[in-house]
Amino acid sequence: MTTGAPATSDEAPETNMLLQACVNGARDVAQHPWLSIDPAVVADDAARAIGAGAHEIHVHPKNDRGSDSVAAEDVARWVRAVRAACPDVPVGVTTGAWAEPDVEHRLAAIAAWTELPDFASVNWHEAGADEVAALLRSRGVGVEAGIWDASGLEAWRRSPERGTCLRILIELPDEAADVVCGHAEGLIAHVAAEEPDIPILLHGEEDSAWPAFELAVEWGLDARVGLEDGLALPDGRPASDNAALMRAAVRLMSGR
């Protein structure tokens, strides 16, 4: 279920597990010093995350107000900045409905992109997921299918785009560690039954972030960590930056 991405750091263990850095997310910039509306600042942090062992970058482009954006000019600025700081590294973006709730406006924005990311996440519980995914693929952009819950799973199961996805993102909510395993097992089993050959990336957020990562290591799945999903290290201390989170992830991958 992995993509076989090569390690990019001397710290990274020999493994086929893909490690993605989700460097900012929809968080308010006041939540951490390395969250910024300046793409150059976030791109610099992303480069250090790659140096610490990440294989690819997932970033949320922002507008001048600091809100997530799918507008062509914002996507172009952010993708160019990350690519300049992280040459030859795959870069993905969000297409979350919170960035543009109107489906037709979201599709028009994506159709106008001039700087195409390598991949983009599409949340299948959101209206317009099939159309967004089809448009992305028509433009040569890989699709990460975000499945958060049963409704998203069912929508993806019925989707004509189901078998075309680059990977499936099993996204666990902020929940107690003792329920993470059961939640993850159920979603993964359904996804694998439908499309056994599509890689699965498992991740959580806040309290579920590190338990989900540990399960991904145990089960041989792809995973991600970063300031989007959690601001703390496994021991609960605040993370200084995305690179610190990557180093912690690499240690867990190595069994250290």
C-alpha atoms as a PDB file:
ATOM      1  CA  MET A   1       0.000   0.000   0.000  1.00  0.00           C
ATOM      2  CA  THR A   2       3.023   2.296  -0.174  1.00  0.00           C
ATOM      3  CA  THR A   3       4.435   4.384  -2.967  1.00  0.00           C
ATOM      4  CA  GLY A   4       8.052   3.384  -2.605  1.00  0.00           C
ATOM      5  CA  ALA A   5       9.359   6.952  -2.248  1.00  0.00           C
ATOM      6  CA  PRO A   6      13.126   7.107  -1.693  1.00  0.00           C
ATOM      7  CA  ALA A   7      14.555   8.540   1.504  1.00  0.00           C
ATOM      8  CA  THR A   8      15.944  12.068   1.138  1.00  0.00           C
ATOM      9  CA  SER A   9      17.853  12.449   4.390  1.00  0.00           C
ATOM     10  CA  ASP A  10      20.742  10.664   6.083  1.00  0.00           C
ATOM     11  CA  GLU A  11      18.426  10.325   9.088  1.00  0.00           C
ATOM     12  CA  ALA A  12      15.670   8.533   7.188  1.00  0.00           C
ATOM     13  CA  PRO A  13      15.525   4.749   7.569  1.00  0.00           C
ATOM     14  CA  GLU A  14      15.400   2.397   4.617  1.00  0.00           C
ATOM     15  CA  THR A  15      11.691   1.930   4.085  1.00  0.00           C
ATOM     16  CA  ASN A  16       9.069   2.084   1.364  1.00  0.00           C
ATOM     17  CA  MET A  17       6.862   4.213   3.620  1.00  0.00           C
ATOM     18  CA  LEU A  18       6.033   7.596   2.091  1.00  0.00           C
ATOM     19  CA  LEU A  19       6.447  10.430   4.592  1.00  0.00           C
ATOM     20  CA  GLN A  20       4.556  13.574   3.637  1.00  0.00           C
ATOM     21  CA  ALA A  21       5.010  16.945   5.346  1.00  0.00           C
ATOM     22  CA  CYS A  22       1.732  18.875   5.780  1.00  0.00           C
ATOM     23  CA  VAL A  23       3.367  22.174   6.537  1.00  0.00           C
ATOM     24  CA  ASN A  24       0.587  24.662   7.346  1.00  0.00           C
ATOM     25  CA  GLY A  25      -3.046  23.648   6.807  1.00  0.00           C
ATOM     26  CA  ALA A  26      -6.003  25.891   7.518  1.00  0.00           C
ATOM     27  CA  ARG A  27      -4.617  27.013  10.880  1.00  0.00           C
ATOM     28  CA  ASP A  28      -4.548  30.634  11.967  1.00  0.00           C
ATOM     29  CA  VAL A  29      -1.016  32.006  11.571  1.00  0.00           C
ATOM     30  CA  ALA A  30      -1.065  33.082  15.232  1.00  0.00           C
ATOM     31  CA  GLN A  31      -0.938  29.427  16.320  1.00  0.00           C
ATOM     32  CA  HIS A  32       2.754  28.930  15.514  1.00  0.00           C
ATOM     33  CA  PRO A  33       5.755  31.101  14.518  1.00  0.00           C
ATOM     34  CA  TRP A  34       6.299  29.132  11.282  1.00  0.00           C
ATOM     35  CA  LEU A  35       2.718  29.565  10.123  1.00  0.00           C
ATOM     36  CA  SER A  36       2.688  32.593   7.842  1.00  0.00           C
ATOM     37  CA  ILE A  37       0.815  34.263   4.998  1.00  0.00           C
ATOM     38  CA  ASP A  38       4.216  34.698   3.330  1.00  0.00           C
ATOM     39  CA  PRO A  39       4.828  31.702   1.040  1.00  0.00           C
ATOM     40  CA  ALA A  40       8.606  32.194   1.228  1.00  0.00           C
ATOM     41  CA  VAL A  41       8.545  31.682   5.007  1.00  0.00           C
ATOM     42  CA  VAL A  42       6.518  28.483   4.783  1.00  0.00           C
ATOM     43  CA  ALA A  43       8.613  27.268   1.826  1.00  0.00           C
ATOM     44  CA  ASP A  44      11.791  27.717   3.871  1.00  0.00           C
ATOM     45  CA  ASP A  45      10.284  25.631   6.661  1.00  0.00           C
ATOM     46  CA  ALA A  46       9.192  23.029   4.087  1.00  0.00           C
ATOM     47  CA  ALA A  47      12.760  22.764   2.807  1.00  0.00           C
ATOM     48  CA  ARG A  48      14.014  21.971   6.300  1.00  0.00           C
ATOM     49  CA  ALA A  49      11.287  19.335   6.627  1.00  0.00           C
ATOM     50  CA  ILE A  50      12.550  17.694   3.441  1.00  0.00           C
ATOM     51  CA  GLY A  51      16.075  17.800   4.834  1.00  0.00           C
ATOM     52  CA  ALA A  52      14.817  16.087   7.985  1.00  0.00           C
ATOM     53  CA  GLY A  53      13.337  13.155   6.058  1.00  0.00           C
ATOM     54  CA  ALA A  54      10.052  14.136   4.384  1.00  0.00           C
ATOM     55  CA  HIS A  55       9.537  12.956   0.794  1.00  0.00           C
ATOM     56  CA  GLU A  56       6.910  15.429  -0.387  1.00  0.00           C
ATOM     57  CA  ILE A  57       5.055  18.575   0.662  1.00  0.00           C
ATOM     58  CA  HIS A  58       1.341  19.256   1.143  1.00  0.00           C
ATOM     59  CA  VAL A  59       0.669  22.980   1.474  1.00  0.00           C
ATOM     60  CA  HIS A  60      -2.410  25.191   1.755  1.00  0.00           C
ATOM     61  CA  PRO A  61      -2.029  28.297  -0.445  1.00  0.00           C
ATOM     62  CA  LYS A  62      -3.236  31.469   1.264  1.00  0.00           C
ATOM     63  CA  ASN A  63      -4.639  34.753   0.073  1.00  0.00           C
ATOM     64  CA  ASP A  64      -3.466  38.119   1.417  1.00  0.00           C
ATOM     65  CA  ARG A  65      -5.876  37.803   4.357  1.00  0.00           C
ATOM     66  CA  GLY A  66      -4.345  34.495   5.432  1.00  0.00           C
ATOM     67  CA  SER A  67      -7.322  32.351   4.386  1.00  0.00           C
ATOM     68  CA  ASP A  68      -6.985  29.148   2.365  1.00  0.00           C
ATOM     69  CA  SER A  69      -7.373  29.827  -1.341  1.00  0.00           C
ATOM     70  CA  VAL A  70      -7.798  27.942  -4.614  1.00  0.00           C
ATOM     71  CA  ALA A  71      -7.511  31.142  -6.680  1.00  0.00           C
ATOM     72  CA  ALA A  72      -5.036  30.800  -9.532  1.00  0.00           C
ATOM     73  CA  GLU A  73      -2.781  33.647  -8.451  1.00  0.00           C
ATOM     74  CA  ASP A  74      -2.523  32.345  -4.876  1.00  0.00           C
ATOM     75  CA  VAL A  75      -1.881  28.744  -5.917  1.00  0.00           C
ATOM     76  CA  ALA A  76       0.793  29.925  -8.351  1.00  0.00           C
ATOM     77  CA  ARG A  77       2.609  32.019  -5.718  1.00  0.00           C
ATOM     78  CA  TRP A  78       2.647  29.239  -3.164  1.00  0.00           C
ATOM     79  CA  VAL A  79       3.509  26.354  -5.477  1.00  0.00           C
ATOM     80  CA  ARG A  80       6.347  28.355  -7.060  1.00  0.00           C
ATOM     81  CA  ALA A  81       7.736  29.288  -3.657  1.00  0.00           C
ATOM     82  CA  VAL A  82       7.732  25.713  -2.380  1.00  0.00           C
ATOM     83  CA  ARG A  83       9.234  24.373  -5.598  1.00  0.00           C
ATOM     84  CA  ALA A  84      11.986  26.986  -5.504  1.00  0.00           C
ATOM     85  CA  ALA A  85      12.863  25.967  -1.933  1.00  0.00           C
ATOM     86  CA  CYS A  86      12.348  22.224  -2.517  1.00  0.00           C
ATOM     87  CA  PRO A  87      13.511  21.423  -6.066  1.00  0.00           C
ATOM     88  CA  ASP A  88      12.524  18.023  -7.473  1.00  0.00           C
ATOM     89  CA  VAL A  89      10.128  17.405  -4.556  1.00  0.00           C
ATOM     90  CA  PRO A  90       6.437  16.646  -5.284  1.00  0.00           C
ATOM     91  CA  VAL A  91       4.165  19.450  -4.105  1.00  0.00           C
ATOM     92  CA  GLY A  92       0.443  19.098  -3.383  1.00  0.00           C
ATOM     93  CA  VAL A  93      -2.292  21.551  -2.418  1.00  0.00           C
ATOM     94  CA  THR A  94      -5.762  21.491  -0.926  1.00  0.00           C
ATOM     95  CA  THR A  95      -9.058  21.893  -2.766  1.00  0.00           C
ATOM     96  CA  GLY A  96     -11.083  21.987   0.450  1.00  0.00           C
ATOM     97  CA  ALA A  97     -14.575  23.419   0.134  1.00  0.00           C
ATOM     98  CA  TRP A  98     -13.846  25.888   2.947  1.00  0.00           C
ATOM     99  CA  ALA A  99     -11.497  27.680   0.511  1.00  0.00           C
ATOM    100  CA  GLU A 100     -14.331  28.104  -2.012  1.00  0.00           C
ATOM    101  CA  PRO A 101     -17.740  26.726  -0.962  1.00  0.00           C
ATOM    102  CA  ASP A 102     -19.412  27.293  -4.339  1.00  0.00           C
ATOM    103  CA  VAL A 103     -18.652  24.245  -6.495  1.00  0.00           C
ATOM    104  CA  GLU A 104     -18.835  26.079  -9.818  1.00  0.00           C
ATOM    105  CA  HIS A 105     -16.543  28.823  -8.560  1.00  0.00           C
ATOM    106  CA  ARG A 106     -14.124  26.203  -7.220  1.00  0.00           C
ATOM    107  CA  LEU A 107     -14.057  24.424 -10.576  1.00  0.00           C
ATOM    108  CA  ALA A 108     -13.514  27.706 -12.412  1.00  0.00           C
ATOM    109  CA  ALA A 109     -10.636  28.567 -10.104  1.00  0.00           C
ATOM    110  CA  ILE A 110      -8.953  25.189 -10.660  1.00  0.00           C
ATOM    111  CA  ALA A 111      -9.470  25.466 -14.418  1.00  0.00           C
ATOM    112  CA  ALA A 112      -7.591  28.789 -14.283  1.00  0.00           C
ATOM    113  CA  TRP A 113      -4.520  27.436 -12.459  1.00  0.00           C
ATOM    114  CA  THR A 114      -1.325  28.361 -14.287  1.00  0.00           C
ATOM    115  CA  GLU A 115       1.170  26.712 -11.933  1.00  0.00           C
ATOM    116  CA  LEU A 116      -0.010  23.132 -11.555  1.00  0.00           C
ATOM    117  CA  PRO A 117       0.827  21.198  -8.394  1.00  0.00           C
ATOM    118  CA  ASP A 118       1.854  17.562  -8.657  1.00  0.00           C
ATOM    119  CA  PHE A 119      -1.216  16.464  -6.698  1.00  0.00           C
ATOM    120  CA  ALA A 120      -4.188  17.889  -4.832  1.00  0.00           C
ATOM    121  CA  SER A 121      -6.385  16.545  -2.051  1.00  0.00           C
ATOM    122  CA  VAL A 122     -10.127  16.199  -2.673  1.00  0.00           C
ATOM    123  CA  ASN A 123     -12.419  15.557   0.296  1.00  0.00           C
ATOM    124  CA  TRP A 124     -15.053  13.114  -0.856  1.00  0.00           C
ATOM    125  CA  HIS A 125     -17.685  14.119   1.686  1.00  0.00           C
ATOM    126  CA  GLU A 126     -17.786  17.563   0.066  1.00  0.00           C
ATOM    127  CA  ALA A 127     -20.118  18.575  -2.738  1.00  0.00           C
ATOM    128  CA  GLY A 128     -18.485  18.502  -6.156  1.00  0.00           C
ATOM    129  CA  ALA A 129     -15.765  15.959  -5.318  1.00  0.00           C
ATOM    130  CA  ASP A 130     -16.286  13.939  -8.504  1.00  0.00           C
ATOM    131  CA  GLU A 131     -16.151  17.026 -10.709  1.00  0.00           C
ATOM    132  CA  VAL A 132     -13.122  18.466  -8.926  1.00  0.00           C
ATOM    133  CA  ALA A 133     -11.249  15.166  -9.203  1.00  0.00           C
ATOM    134  CA  ALA A 134     -12.078  14.765 -12.899  1.00  0.00           C
ATOM    135  CA  LEU A 135     -10.926  18.321 -13.643  1.00  0.00           C
ATOM    136  CA  LEU A 136      -7.679  17.841 -11.761  1.00  0.00           C
ATOM    137  CA  ARG A 137      -6.922  14.632 -13.609  1.00  0.00           C
ATOM    138  CA  SER A 138      -7.723  16.247 -16.959  1.00  0.00           C
ATOM    139  CA  ARG A 139      -5.067  18.827 -16.134  1.00  0.00           C
ATOM    140  CA  GLY A 140      -2.487  16.197 -15.191  1.00  0.00           C
ATOM    141  CA  VAL A 141      -2.765  16.710 -11.421  1.00  0.00           C
ATOM    142  CA  GLY A 142      -2.836  13.604  -9.227  1.00  0.00           C
ATOM    143  CA  VAL A 143      -5.777  13.205  -6.846  1.00  0.00           C
ATOM    144  CA  GLU A 144      -5.511  12.337  -3.171  1.00  0.00           C
ATOM    145  CA  ALA A 145      -8.964  11.118  -2.114  1.00  0.00           C
ATOM    146  CA  GLY A 146      -9.654  12.382   1.386  1.00  0.00           C
ATOM    147  CA  ILE A 147     -11.972  10.040   3.293  1.00  0.00           C
ATOM    148  CA  TRP A 148     -12.898  11.311   6.721  1.00  0.00           C
ATOM    149  CA  ASP A 149     -16.001   9.330   7.605  1.00  0.00           C
ATOM    150  CA  ALA A 150     -18.707   6.937   6.426  1.00  0.00           C
ATOM    151  CA  SER A 151     -20.397   9.542   4.227  1.00  0.00           C
ATOM    152  CA  GLY A 152     -17.159  10.280   2.403  1.00  0.00           C
ATOM    153  CA  LEU A 153     -16.431   6.591   2.059  1.00  0.00           C
ATOM    154  CA  GLU A 154     -19.820   5.926   0.490  1.00  0.00           C
ATOM    155  CA  ALA A 155     -19.500   8.881  -1.897  1.00  0.00           C
ATOM    156  CA  TRP A 156     -16.055   7.660  -2.979  1.00  0.00           C
ATOM    157  CA  ARG A 157     -17.309   4.077  -3.407  1.00  0.00           C
ATOM    158  CA  ARG A 158     -19.957   5.322  -5.858  1.00  0.00           C
ATOM    159  CA  SER A 159     -17.625   7.716  -7.669  1.00  0.00           C
ATOM    160  CA  PRO A 160     -16.578   7.183 -11.306  1.00  0.00           C
ATOM    161  CA  GLU A 161     -13.210   8.615 -10.209  1.00  0.00           C
ATOM    162  CA  ARG A 162     -12.714   6.012  -7.490  1.00  0.00           C
ATOM    163  CA  GLY A 163     -10.092   3.908  -9.238  1.00  0.00           C
ATOM    164  CA  THR A 164      -8.158   6.826 -10.730  1.00  0.00           C
ATOM    165  CA  CYS A 165      -6.811   8.296  -7.501  1.00  0.00           C
ATOM    166  CA  LEU A 166      -3.122   8.673  -6.765  1.00  0.00           C
ATOM    167  CA  ARG A 167      -3.734   7.595  -3.194  1.00  0.00           C
ATOM    168  CA  ILE A 168      -6.403   7.477  -0.507  1.00  0.00           C
ATOM    169  CA  LEU A 169      -6.084   9.705   2.542  1.00  0.00           C
ATOM    170  CA  ILE A 170      -7.671   8.123   5.589  1.00  0.00           C
ATOM    171  CA  GLU A 171      -8.125  11.202   7.756  1.00  0.00           C
ATOM    172  CA  LEU A 172      -8.909  10.633  11.436  1.00  0.00           C
ATOM    173  CA  PRO A 173     -10.432  13.427  13.530  1.00  0.00           C
ATOM    174  CA  ASP A 174      -9.097  14.763  16.805  1.00  0.00           C
ATOM    175  CA  GLU A 175     -10.016  11.826  19.020  1.00  0.00           C
ATOM    176  CA  ALA A 176      -8.683   9.833  21.947  1.00  0.00           C
ATOM    177  CA  ALA A 177      -5.805   7.477  21.259  1.00  0.00           C
ATOM    178  CA  ASP A 178      -7.758   4.449  22.465  1.00  0.00           C
ATOM    179  CA  VAL A 179     -10.336   4.782  19.668  1.00  0.00           C
ATOM    180  CA  VAL A 180      -7.932   5.613  16.830  1.00  0.00           C
ATOM    181  CA  CYS A 181      -7.096   1.997  15.973  1.00  0.00           C
ATOM    182  CA  GLY A 182     -10.681   0.827  15.596  1.00  0.00           C
ATOM    183  CA  HIS A 183     -11.664   3.875  13.568  1.00  0.00           C
ATOM    184  CA  ALA A 184      -8.682   3.468  11.255  1.00  0.00           C
ATOM    185  CA  GLU A 185      -9.151  -0.272  10.825  1.00  0.00           C
ATOM    186  CA  GLY A 186     -12.755   0.119   9.720  1.00  0.00           C
ATOM    187  CA  LEU A 187     -12.072   2.775   7.068  1.00  0.00           C
ATOM    188  CA  ILE A 188      -8.946   1.030   5.772  1.00  0.00           C
ATOM    189  CA  ALA A 189     -10.723  -2.314   5.441  1.00  0.00           C
ATOM    190  CA  HIS A 190     -13.491  -0.784   3.329  1.00  0.00           C
ATOM    191  CA  VAL A 191     -11.074   1.136   1.112  1.00  0.00           C
ATOM    192  CA  ALA A 192      -8.805  -1.863   0.586  1.00  0.00           C
ATOM    193  CA  ALA A 193     -11.780  -4.060  -0.294  1.00  0.00           C
ATOM    194  CA  GLU A 194     -12.808  -1.628  -3.046  1.00  0.00           C
ATOM    195  CA  GLU A 195      -9.395  -0.667  -4.453  1.00  0.00           C
ATOM    196  CA  PRO A 196      -6.663  -2.929  -3.073  1.00  0.00           C
ATOM    197  CA  ASP A 197      -3.968  -1.549  -5.366  1.00  0.00           C
ATOM    198  CA  ILE A 198      -4.297   2.143  -4.489  1.00  0.00           C
ATOM    199  CA  PRO A 199      -1.856   3.310  -1.778  1.00  0.00           C
ATOM    200  CA  ILE A 200      -3.321   4.438   1.535  1.00  0.00           C
ATOM    201  CA  LEU A 201      -1.934   7.344   3.554  1.00  0.00           C
ATOM    202  CA  LEU A 202      -3.137   7.315   7.161  1.00  0.00           C
ATOM    203  CA  HIS A 203      -3.034  10.420   9.325  1.00  0.00           C
ATOM    204  CA  GLY A 204      -4.769  11.999  12.275  1.00  0.00           C
ATOM    205  CA  GLU A 205      -5.001  15.447  13.782  1.00  0.00           C
ATOM    206  CA  GLU A 206      -4.222  16.854  17.211  1.00  0.00           C
ATOM    207  CA  ASP A 207      -4.690  14.006  19.757  1.00  0.00           C
ATOM    208  CA  SER A 208      -4.918  11.356  17.033  1.00  0.00           C
ATOM    209  CA  ALA A 209      -1.911  12.561  15.005  1.00  0.00           C
ATOM    210  CA  TRP A 210       0.847  10.517  16.615  1.00  0.00           C
ATOM    211  CA  PRO A 211      -1.271   7.422  17.389  1.00  0.00           C
ATOM    212  CA  ALA A 212      -2.289   7.374  13.715  1.00  0.00           C
ATOM    213  CA  PHE A 213       1.324   7.760  12.637  1.00  0.00           C
ATOM    214  CA  GLU A 214       2.401   4.860  14.832  1.00  0.00           C
ATOM    215  CA  LEU A 215      -0.336   2.700  13.314  1.00  0.00           C
ATOM    216  CA  ALA A 216       0.825   3.645   9.823  1.00  0.00           C
ATOM    217  CA  VAL A 217       4.345   2.510  10.696  1.00  0.00           C
ATOM    218  CA  GLU A 218       3.039  -0.720  12.207  1.00  0.00           C
ATOM    219  CA  TRP A 219       0.778  -1.494   9.243  1.00  0.00           C
ATOM    220  CA  GLY A 220       3.207  -0.425   6.506  1.00  0.00           C
ATOM    221  CA  LEU A 221       1.073   2.472   5.247  1.00  0.00           C
ATOM    222  CA  ASP A 222       2.112   5.883   4.019  1.00  0.00           C
ATOM    223  CA  ALA A 223       1.743   8.735   6.507  1.00  0.00           C
ATOM    224  CA  ARG A 224       2.151  12.422   7.076  1.00  0.00           C
ATOM    225  CA  VAL A 225       2.966  14.762   9.928  1.00  0.00           C
ATOM    226  CA  GLY A 226       3.358  18.518  10.108  1.00  0.00           C
ATOM    227  CA  LEU A 227       1.989  21.673  11.649  1.00  0.00           C
ATOM    228  CA  GLU A 228      -1.309  21.164   9.836  1.00  0.00           C
ATOM    229  CA  ASP A 229      -2.062  18.002  11.785  1.00  0.00           C
ATOM    230  CA  GLY A 230      -0.466  18.766  15.132  1.00  0.00           C
ATOM    231  CA  LEU A 231       1.729  21.318  16.885  1.00  0.00           C
ATOM    232  CA  ALA A 232       3.259  18.925  19.413  1.00  0.00           C
ATOM    233  CA  LEU A 233       5.946  16.268  19.444  1.00  0.00           C
ATOM    234  CA  PRO A 234       5.074  12.711  20.546  1.00  0.00           C
ATOM    235  CA  ASP A 235       5.980  13.551  24.151  1.00  0.00           C
ATOM    236  CA  GLY A 236       3.635  16.553  24.150  1.00  0.00           C
ATOM    237  CA  ARG A 237       6.289  19.266  23.935  1.00  0.00           C
ATOM    238  CA  PRO A 238       5.629  22.027  21.386  1.00  0.00           C
ATOM    239  CA  ALA A 239       7.341  21.443  18.051  1.00  0.00           C
ATOM    240  CA  SER A 240       9.743  24.199  17.045  1.00  0.00           C
ATOM    241  CA  ASP A 241       9.026  23.698  13.342  1.00  0.00           C
ATOM    242  CA  ASN A 242       8.058  21.109  10.745  1.00  0.00           C
ATOM    243  CA  ALA A 243      11.585  19.710  10.686  1.00  0.00           C
ATOM    244  CA  ALA A 244      11.301  18.820  14.382  1.00  0.00           C
ATOM    245  CA  LEU A 245       8.113  16.894  13.629  1.00  0.00           C
ATOM    246  CA  MET A 246       9.847  15.104  10.742  1.00  0.00           C
ATOM    247  CA  ARG A 247      12.785  14.107  12.922  1.00  0.00           C
ATOM    248  CA  ALA A 248      10.384  12.672  15.490  1.00  0.00           C
ATOM    249  CA  ALA A 249       8.574  10.762  12.733  1.00  0.00           C
ATOM    250  CA  VAL A 250      11.830   9.361  11.371  1.00  0.00           C
ATOM    251  CA  ARG A 251      12.796   8.155  14.852  1.00  0.00           C
ATOM    252  CA  LEU A 252       9.463   6.350  15.160  1.00  0.00           C
ATOM    253  CA  MET A 253       9.941   4.821  11.704  1.00  0.00           C
ATOM    254  CA  SER A 254      13.368   3.599  12.837  1.00  0.00           C
ATOM    255  CA  GLY A 255      12.008   2.169  16.083  1.00  0.00           C
ATOM    256  CA  ARG A 256      14.180   4.539  18.107  1.00  0.00           C
END
